[in-house]
Structure formats: structure tokens, C-alpha cells
N, C-alpha and C. Protein backbone atom coordinates (compact mmCIF):
# COMPACT_ATOMS: atom_id res chain seq x y z
N MET A 1 151.66 -14.71 39.31
CA MET A 1 150.39 -14.79 38.37
C MET A 1 149.11 -14.24 38.86
N ASP A 2 149.06 -12.93 37.63
CA ASP A 2 148.13 -12.60 37.59
C ASP A 2 147.53 -12.48 36.38
N ASN A 3 147.88 -13.41 35.98
CA ASN A 3 146.67 -14.08 34.46
C ASN A 3 146.10 -15.35 34.31
N ILE A 4 145.40 -16.15 32.99
CA ILE A 4 144.75 -16.65 33.14
C ILE A 4 144.90 -17.14 31.51
N ASN A 5 144.74 -18.23 31.97
CA ASN A 5 145.82 -19.91 31.44
C ASN A 5 145.02 -20.35 31.22
N LEU A 6 144.39 -20.96 30.12
CA LEU A 6 142.69 -21.38 28.70
C LEU A 6 143.09 -22.56 28.37
N GLU A 7 142.38 -23.89 28.54
CA GLU A 7 143.71 -24.95 27.51
C GLU A 7 142.54 -25.72 27.58
N ILE A 8 142.00 -25.95 26.16
CA ILE A 8 140.74 -27.14 26.30
C ILE A 8 141.16 -28.53 27.02
N LEU A 9 140.44 -28.74 27.56
CA LEU A 9 139.96 -30.14 28.30
C LEU A 9 139.20 -31.41 27.56
N PRO A 10 139.53 -31.73 27.55
CA PRO A 10 139.75 -33.02 26.98
C PRO A 10 138.10 -34.04 27.13
N LYS A 11 136.78 -34.34 26.62
CA LYS A 11 136.41 -35.13 27.12
C LYS A 11 136.18 -35.88 28.54
N ASP A 12 137.22 -36.49 29.34
CA ASP A 12 137.43 -37.28 29.66
C ASP A 12 136.74 -37.18 31.58
N SER A 13 136.12 -37.54 31.99
CA SER A 13 134.82 -37.29 33.32
C SER A 13 135.93 -37.50 34.56
N GLU A 14 137.17 -38.38 33.92
CA GLU A 14 138.38 -39.01 35.82
C GLU A 14 139.04 -37.50 35.77
N ARG A 15 139.90 -36.89 34.97
CA ARG A 15 140.22 -35.42 34.16
C ARG A 15 139.35 -34.69 34.79
N VAL A 16 138.25 -34.36 34.03
CA VAL A 16 137.11 -32.86 34.78
C VAL A 16 137.35 -33.32 36.50
N LEU A 17 137.40 -34.32 36.69
CA LEU A 17 138.02 -34.15 38.57
C LEU A 17 139.04 -34.28 39.08
N LYS A 18 140.21 -34.22 38.37
CA LYS A 18 141.80 -34.33 38.77
C LYS A 18 142.25 -32.71 38.44
N GLU A 19 141.40 -32.09 37.85
CA GLU A 19 141.09 -30.67 37.52
C GLU A 19 141.12 -30.25 38.53
N LEU A 20 139.75 -29.69 39.08
CA LEU A 20 139.07 -29.34 39.88
C LEU A 20 139.85 -29.71 41.00
N ALA A 21 140.66 -30.48 41.43
CA ALA A 21 141.07 -31.03 42.86
C ALA A 21 142.48 -30.33 42.95
N ALA A 22 142.66 -30.37 42.02
CA ALA A 22 144.55 -29.19 41.78
C ALA A 22 143.76 -27.85 41.76
N GLY A 23 142.75 -27.74 41.88
CA GLY A 23 142.46 -26.18 42.14
C GLY A 23 141.45 -25.03 40.86
N LYS A 24 142.25 -25.42 39.53
CA LYS A 24 141.18 -25.44 38.32
C LYS A 24 139.67 -24.68 38.63
N MET A 25 139.80 -23.84 38.17
CA MET A 25 138.44 -23.99 37.48
C MET A 25 138.31 -24.94 35.92
N VAL A 26 137.00 -25.60 36.02
CA VAL A 26 136.53 -26.71 34.76
C VAL A 26 135.51 -25.28 34.49
N VAL A 27 135.62 -25.64 32.64
CA VAL A 27 134.26 -25.22 31.96
C VAL A 27 134.00 -25.42 31.04
N ALA A 28 132.57 -26.01 31.05
CA ALA A 28 131.65 -26.57 30.45
C ALA A 28 130.97 -25.76 29.79
N ARG A 29 130.87 -25.89 28.05
CA ARG A 29 130.24 -24.97 26.99
C ARG A 29 129.34 -26.46 26.78
N SER A 30 127.81 -26.25 26.57
CA SER A 30 127.03 -26.66 25.58
C SER A 30 126.12 -25.36 24.77
N LYS A 31 125.94 -25.21 23.68
CA LYS A 31 125.57 -24.42 22.65
C LYS A 31 125.50 -22.46 23.70
N ASN A 32 124.92 -22.57 23.66
CA ASN A 32 125.83 -20.81 23.56
C ASN A 32 126.39 -20.38 26.11
N ASP A 33 125.08 -21.97 26.52
CA ASP A 33 125.88 -21.27 28.14
C ASP A 33 126.79 -22.05 28.56
N PHE A 34 127.53 -21.52 29.49
CA PHE A 34 128.43 -21.61 30.24
C PHE A 34 127.85 -22.05 31.63
N LEU A 35 129.23 -23.22 32.46
CA LEU A 35 128.81 -23.61 34.07
C LEU A 35 130.09 -23.66 33.93
N TYR A 36 129.93 -22.77 35.24
CA TYR A 36 131.70 -22.87 36.07
C TYR A 36 132.04 -23.53 36.85
N ILE A 37 133.05 -24.41 37.33
CA ILE A 37 132.83 -25.55 38.11
C ILE A 37 134.35 -24.96 38.75
N LEU A 38 133.61 -25.21 39.89
CA LEU A 38 134.93 -24.99 40.80
C LEU A 38 135.63 -25.74 41.90
N ASP A 39 136.35 -26.03 42.67
CA ASP A 39 136.21 -27.42 44.08
C ASP A 39 136.51 -26.52 45.53
N PHE A 40 136.72 -26.08 46.59
CA PHE A 40 136.59 -25.22 47.43
C PHE A 40 136.39 -26.25 48.31
N ASP A 41 136.43 -25.31 49.64
CA ASP A 41 135.94 -26.39 50.64
C ASP A 41 134.93 -27.22 50.59
N ASN A 42 135.70 -28.49 50.06
CA ASN A 42 134.99 -29.45 50.03
C ASN A 42 133.46 -29.94 49.77
N GLN A 43 133.61 -29.02 49.04
CA GLN A 43 132.92 -28.51 48.15
C GLN A 43 132.40 -28.56 46.07
N PHE A 44 131.03 -29.21 45.64
CA PHE A 44 131.79 -27.83 44.30
C PHE A 44 130.64 -26.92 43.94
N HIS A 45 131.48 -26.50 43.66
CA HIS A 45 130.19 -24.65 43.00
C HIS A 45 130.34 -24.46 41.81
N MET A 46 129.30 -24.42 41.53
CA MET A 46 128.55 -24.60 40.31
C MET A 46 128.27 -23.01 39.56
N PHE A 47 128.70 -21.94 38.64
CA PHE A 47 128.28 -20.97 39.05
C PHE A 47 127.57 -21.06 36.70
N SER A 48 126.50 -20.44 36.83
CA SER A 48 126.00 -20.82 35.18
C SER A 48 125.49 -19.34 34.53
N HIS A 49 126.23 -19.20 32.91
CA HIS A 49 125.72 -18.64 32.78
C HIS A 49 125.54 -18.25 31.42
N THR A 50 125.04 -17.24 30.37
CA THR A 50 124.64 -17.53 28.88
C THR A 50 125.38 -15.45 28.58
N PRO A 51 125.92 -15.41 28.12
CA PRO A 51 126.22 -14.18 27.95
C PRO A 51 125.10 -13.20 27.00
N GLY A 52 125.12 -12.62 27.49
CA GLY A 52 124.75 -11.47 27.26
C GLY A 52 122.94 -11.69 28.23
N ALA A 53 123.38 -12.47 29.15
CA ALA A 53 122.28 -12.17 30.20
C ALA A 53 122.99 -11.27 31.19
N PRO A 54 122.85 -10.68 31.92
CA PRO A 54 122.39 -9.78 33.12
C PRO A 54 123.02 -10.58 33.99
N GLY A 55 122.62 -11.61 34.21
CA GLY A 55 122.94 -12.42 34.97
C GLY A 55 123.30 -13.89 35.04
N GLY A 56 122.72 -14.44 36.35
CA GLY A 56 123.70 -16.43 36.10
C GLY A 56 123.20 -16.14 37.41
N GLY A 57 123.59 -18.09 37.30
CA GLY A 57 122.87 -18.53 38.91
C GLY A 57 124.43 -19.18 39.40
N GLN A 58 124.36 -19.63 40.64
CA GLN A 58 124.71 -19.73 41.30
C GLN A 58 124.50 -21.57 42.50
N LYS A 59 125.66 -22.45 42.80
CA LYS A 59 124.52 -23.51 43.77
C LYS A 59 126.02 -24.17 44.12
N GLN A 60 125.95 -24.41 44.82
CA GLN A 60 126.59 -25.28 45.49
C GLN A 60 126.83 -26.88 46.27
N PHE A 61 127.44 -27.86 45.90
CA PHE A 61 126.68 -29.61 46.26
C PHE A 61 127.75 -29.80 47.78
N PRO A 62 127.50 -30.85 48.40
CA PRO A 62 128.96 -31.85 48.97
C PRO A 62 129.64 -31.55 47.66
N LYS A 63 131.03 -32.24 48.58
CA LYS A 63 132.06 -33.22 47.93
C LYS A 63 131.60 -34.51 47.38
N ASP A 64 130.25 -34.94 47.62
CA ASP A 64 130.26 -37.02 48.43
C ASP A 64 130.02 -37.82 46.70
N GLU A 65 129.53 -39.22 46.63
CA GLU A 65 129.02 -39.44 45.85
C GLU A 65 128.39 -39.13 44.58
N LYS A 66 127.58 -38.95 45.38
CA LYS A 66 126.32 -38.42 44.01
C LYS A 66 126.41 -37.31 43.43
N TYR A 67 127.63 -36.13 44.14
CA TYR A 67 127.48 -35.14 43.07
C TYR A 67 129.06 -35.53 42.49
N MET A 68 129.72 -35.90 42.23
CA MET A 68 131.05 -36.47 42.06
C MET A 68 130.99 -36.91 40.28
N THR A 69 129.61 -37.74 40.61
CA THR A 69 128.39 -38.67 39.41
C THR A 69 128.52 -37.47 39.33
N SER A 70 127.44 -36.11 38.88
CA SER A 70 127.17 -35.51 37.83
C SER A 70 127.78 -35.17 37.60
N VAL A 71 128.92 -33.62 38.25
CA VAL A 71 130.49 -33.99 38.18
C VAL A 71 131.08 -34.51 36.70
N ARG A 72 130.86 -35.82 36.97
CA ARG A 72 131.72 -36.32 35.54
C ARG A 72 130.60 -36.45 34.95
N LYS A 73 128.80 -37.01 34.55
CA LYS A 73 128.07 -36.98 33.72
C LYS A 73 128.00 -35.55 33.00
N ILE A 74 128.76 -34.66 33.05
CA ILE A 74 129.14 -33.11 32.37
C ILE A 74 129.44 -32.66 31.90
N ALA A 75 130.88 -33.81 31.56
CA ALA A 75 131.92 -33.68 30.35
C ALA A 75 130.86 -34.65 29.47
N ASP A 76 130.43 -35.58 29.35
CA ASP A 76 129.95 -35.86 28.37
C ASP A 76 128.42 -35.71 27.89
N MET A 77 128.07 -34.49 28.62
CA MET A 77 126.53 -33.90 28.17
C MET A 77 127.19 -32.56 27.38
N SER A 78 128.70 -31.67 27.67
CA SER A 78 128.69 -30.59 26.97
C SER A 78 129.30 -30.86 26.13
N ASP A 79 129.25 -29.35 24.57
CA ASP A 79 129.39 -29.79 23.61
C ASP A 79 131.34 -29.69 23.53
N ALA A 80 131.87 -28.85 25.35
CA ALA A 80 133.02 -27.68 25.02
C ALA A 80 133.54 -28.04 26.14
N MET A 81 134.93 -28.09 26.42
CA MET A 81 135.03 -28.14 27.67
C MET A 81 136.79 -27.71 28.03
N TYR A 82 136.71 -27.36 29.03
CA TYR A 82 138.20 -26.79 28.94
C TYR A 82 138.00 -25.90 30.43
N VAL A 83 140.16 -25.60 30.09
CA VAL A 83 139.96 -25.80 32.16
C VAL A 83 141.06 -23.93 31.70
N ALA A 84 140.78 -23.70 33.65
CA ALA A 84 141.07 -22.42 33.76
C ALA A 84 142.06 -22.59 35.14
N GLU A 85 143.73 -22.04 34.68
CA GLU A 85 144.36 -22.22 35.68
C GLU A 85 144.69 -20.48 36.27
N PHE A 86 144.88 -19.37 37.75
CA PHE A 86 144.50 -18.49 38.14
C PHE A 86 144.93 -18.68 39.07
N ASP A 87 145.06 -17.16 40.07
CA ASP A 87 145.77 -16.95 40.76
C ASP A 87 145.00 -17.23 42.40
N LYS A 88 144.27 -17.76 42.59
CA LYS A 88 143.54 -17.56 43.62
C LYS A 88 143.18 -16.17 44.31
N GLU A 89 144.16 -15.14 44.44
CA GLU A 89 143.89 -14.30 44.88
C GLU A 89 142.30 -12.88 43.91
N MET A 90 142.89 -13.73 42.94
CA MET A 90 141.94 -13.04 42.34
C MET A 90 140.52 -13.54 42.17
N ASN A 91 139.38 -12.30 41.67
CA ASN A 91 138.13 -12.83 42.06
C ASN A 91 137.77 -13.03 40.67
N ILE A 92 137.20 -13.89 41.76
CA ILE A 92 136.98 -15.56 40.72
C ILE A 92 135.60 -14.98 40.25
N TYR A 93 134.27 -13.59 39.61
CA TYR A 93 134.17 -13.59 39.10
C TYR A 93 134.61 -12.62 37.35
N GLY A 94 135.71 -11.93 38.09
CA GLY A 94 136.56 -11.31 36.52
C GLY A 94 137.33 -12.96 35.76
N VAL A 95 137.56 -13.78 37.33
CA VAL A 95 138.34 -15.31 36.14
C VAL A 95 136.54 -15.29 35.12
N MET A 96 136.08 -15.84 35.64
CA MET A 96 134.82 -16.64 35.11
C MET A 96 135.03 -15.53 33.46
N TYR A 97 134.57 -14.21 33.76
CA TYR A 97 133.91 -12.78 32.72
C TYR A 97 135.45 -13.53 31.71
N THR A 98 136.81 -13.10 32.42
CA THR A 98 137.35 -12.92 31.20
C THR A 98 137.97 -14.71 30.47
N ALA A 99 137.73 -15.75 31.17
CA ALA A 99 137.26 -16.32 30.37
C ALA A 99 136.14 -17.05 29.95
N GLU A 100 135.84 -16.49 29.75
CA GLU A 100 134.42 -16.10 29.13
C GLU A 100 134.16 -15.49 27.69
N GLU A 101 135.02 -14.42 27.17
CA GLU A 101 135.18 -13.64 26.84
C GLU A 101 136.85 -14.68 26.08
N ALA A 102 137.89 -15.15 26.13
CA ALA A 102 138.11 -15.33 25.55
C ALA A 102 137.58 -16.74 24.58
N ILE A 103 137.07 -17.43 25.30
CA ILE A 103 136.31 -18.61 24.03
C ILE A 103 135.36 -18.44 23.42
N LEU A 104 134.24 -17.56 23.96
CA LEU A 104 133.49 -16.78 22.67
C LEU A 104 134.62 -17.10 21.44
N SER A 105 135.91 -15.54 21.53
CA SER A 105 136.76 -15.11 21.00
C SER A 105 137.73 -16.47 20.04
N MET A 106 137.76 -17.70 20.20
CA MET A 106 138.17 -18.00 19.73
C MET A 106 137.58 -19.25 20.06
N PHE A 107 136.06 -19.69 19.98
CA PHE A 107 135.24 -20.14 19.59
C PHE A 107 134.20 -19.45 19.24
N PRO A 108 134.13 -19.41 18.72
CA PRO A 108 132.59 -18.32 18.76
C PRO A 108 131.43 -19.22 18.23
N GLY A 109 131.15 -20.40 18.02
CA GLY A 109 130.37 -21.46 17.98
C GLY A 109 129.24 -20.95 17.03
N ASP A 110 129.88 -20.93 15.87
CA ASP A 110 128.92 -20.46 14.72
C ASP A 110 128.94 -21.74 14.05
N ASP A 111 130.04 -22.44 14.09
CA ASP A 111 130.71 -23.40 12.98
C ASP A 111 131.23 -24.41 14.32
N ARG A 112 130.45 -24.98 14.77
CA ARG A 112 131.34 -25.88 15.01
C ARG A 112 132.35 -26.98 15.17
N ASP A 113 132.26 -27.38 13.43
CA ASP A 113 133.28 -27.71 13.15
C ASP A 113 134.62 -27.54 13.49
N ASN A 114 134.93 -26.59 13.35
CA ASN A 114 136.08 -25.04 12.83
C ASN A 114 135.71 -24.78 14.02
N ASP A 115 134.88 -25.14 14.98
CA ASP A 115 135.61 -24.58 16.99
C ASP A 115 136.28 -25.69 17.13
N ALA A 116 135.86 -26.84 16.75
CA ALA A 116 136.46 -27.89 16.65
C ALA A 116 138.65 -27.21 17.11
N ASP A 117 139.23 -26.75 16.01
CA ASP A 117 140.38 -27.00 14.80
C ASP A 117 140.69 -25.50 16.24
N VAL A 118 141.64 -25.40 16.40
CA VAL A 118 142.24 -23.91 16.70
C VAL A 118 143.53 -24.30 16.33
N GLU A 119 144.47 -23.38 15.42
CA GLU A 119 145.60 -23.58 14.98
C GLU A 119 146.78 -22.60 15.38
N PHE A 120 147.47 -22.64 15.97
CA PHE A 120 148.16 -21.04 16.06
C PHE A 120 149.43 -21.00 15.54
N ILE A 121 149.74 -19.67 14.52
CA ILE A 121 150.35 -19.80 13.54
C ILE A 121 151.59 -18.80 14.53
N VAL A 122 153.50 -19.66 14.92
CA VAL A 122 154.27 -18.15 14.45
C VAL A 122 154.97 -18.37 13.37
N PRO A 123 154.48 -16.87 12.86
CA PRO A 123 155.82 -15.90 11.44
C PRO A 123 156.49 -16.93 11.73
N GLU A 124 157.25 -16.99 10.53
CA GLU A 124 158.83 -17.10 10.48
C GLU A 124 159.62 -15.82 11.15
N ARG A 125 160.56 -15.75 11.49
CA ARG A 125 161.25 -14.11 12.16
C ARG A 125 162.37 -13.56 10.93
N GLY A 126 161.38 -12.28 10.65
CA GLY A 126 161.62 -11.43 9.17
C GLY A 126 160.46 -11.45 8.54
N LYS A 127 159.50 -12.31 8.89
CA LYS A 127 158.62 -12.50 7.17
C LYS A 127 157.28 -11.23 8.23
N ILE A 128 156.97 -11.13 7.41
CA ILE A 128 155.21 -10.27 8.00
C ILE A 128 154.61 -10.69 6.82
N PRO A 129 153.56 -11.73 8.34
CA PRO A 129 152.84 -12.00 7.43
C PRO A 129 152.01 -10.55 6.59
N PRO A 130 150.94 -11.12 5.04
CA PRO A 130 149.83 -10.39 3.80
C PRO A 130 149.03 -9.05 4.80
N GLU A 131 148.81 -9.98 5.65
CA GLU A 131 148.13 -8.65 6.11
C GLU A 131 148.93 -7.12 6.79
N GLN A 132 149.37 -7.84 7.57
CA GLN A 132 150.21 -6.55 7.56
C GLN A 132 151.10 -5.48 7.26
N GLY A 133 151.42 -6.52 5.77
CA GLY A 133 152.81 -5.82 5.49
C GLY A 133 152.73 -4.74 3.86
């Protein structure tokens, strides 16, 4: 697998921990700030980034009860949560960049009510959508 599967994640703290334990990346978005969370080497690895900014932050925390509680709280504090599944051989910074670009393209953040609803419509076979016809 050399692609990234990205899904909306419910703001459920236990689900966040479950996805992390499964080796997936959890992405928390608060306004226009992104926090990427990974669980490996018995640590939580967190990367922060604001789109358009030249750099970001990175921290590691032991996977103990104190920081598990902190990770649980992120689900409550964020505006939206996403989960990304990817091949572990991929460059982690490339994965974060791609996930961020995909999230921003689907959920630009201008209208929070519309950002909550994403609808994918598959056209009927043989019919061309009006904008393409």
C-alpha cells in the first residue's frame, strides 16, 4: 500500500486511543491548527503545524496514564478529528503533508456547518454530470 486512507474520526477519546494502538495516525484540527499523533516505541509522538507556516513543532511523551489522559482530552478540545492509515515505510512528513492537504481541500474551514457534511455522489452509469457535458 503506497497511498493514505483518510477518514473522519468521531470525537471519541477511547476510539482515538484504539486507532493509535492500531498504528494509525490521528489528526486533530482546531480552527486552522493541526496536531498529528502517533503511537510507537511506547511513546506518543505529536507534530503540530499551521498551514502556510514554514515549520511546526514536535514532542514525544511516554505512553503512561498522565499522557493517555491528555490524548483523550484532545478529542474533546478539537474541532474535528481524522484518522490516517498508511504504509509504515512511507515518509512520515509526506504522510502528514498529504493528509493536511486532503483535509483542507475537503474541509476548507470557511463554513463550519458545511464542513460537517461531506457527500460523495457516484453518477449513474452512462450519465454525464451537467458541468462536464
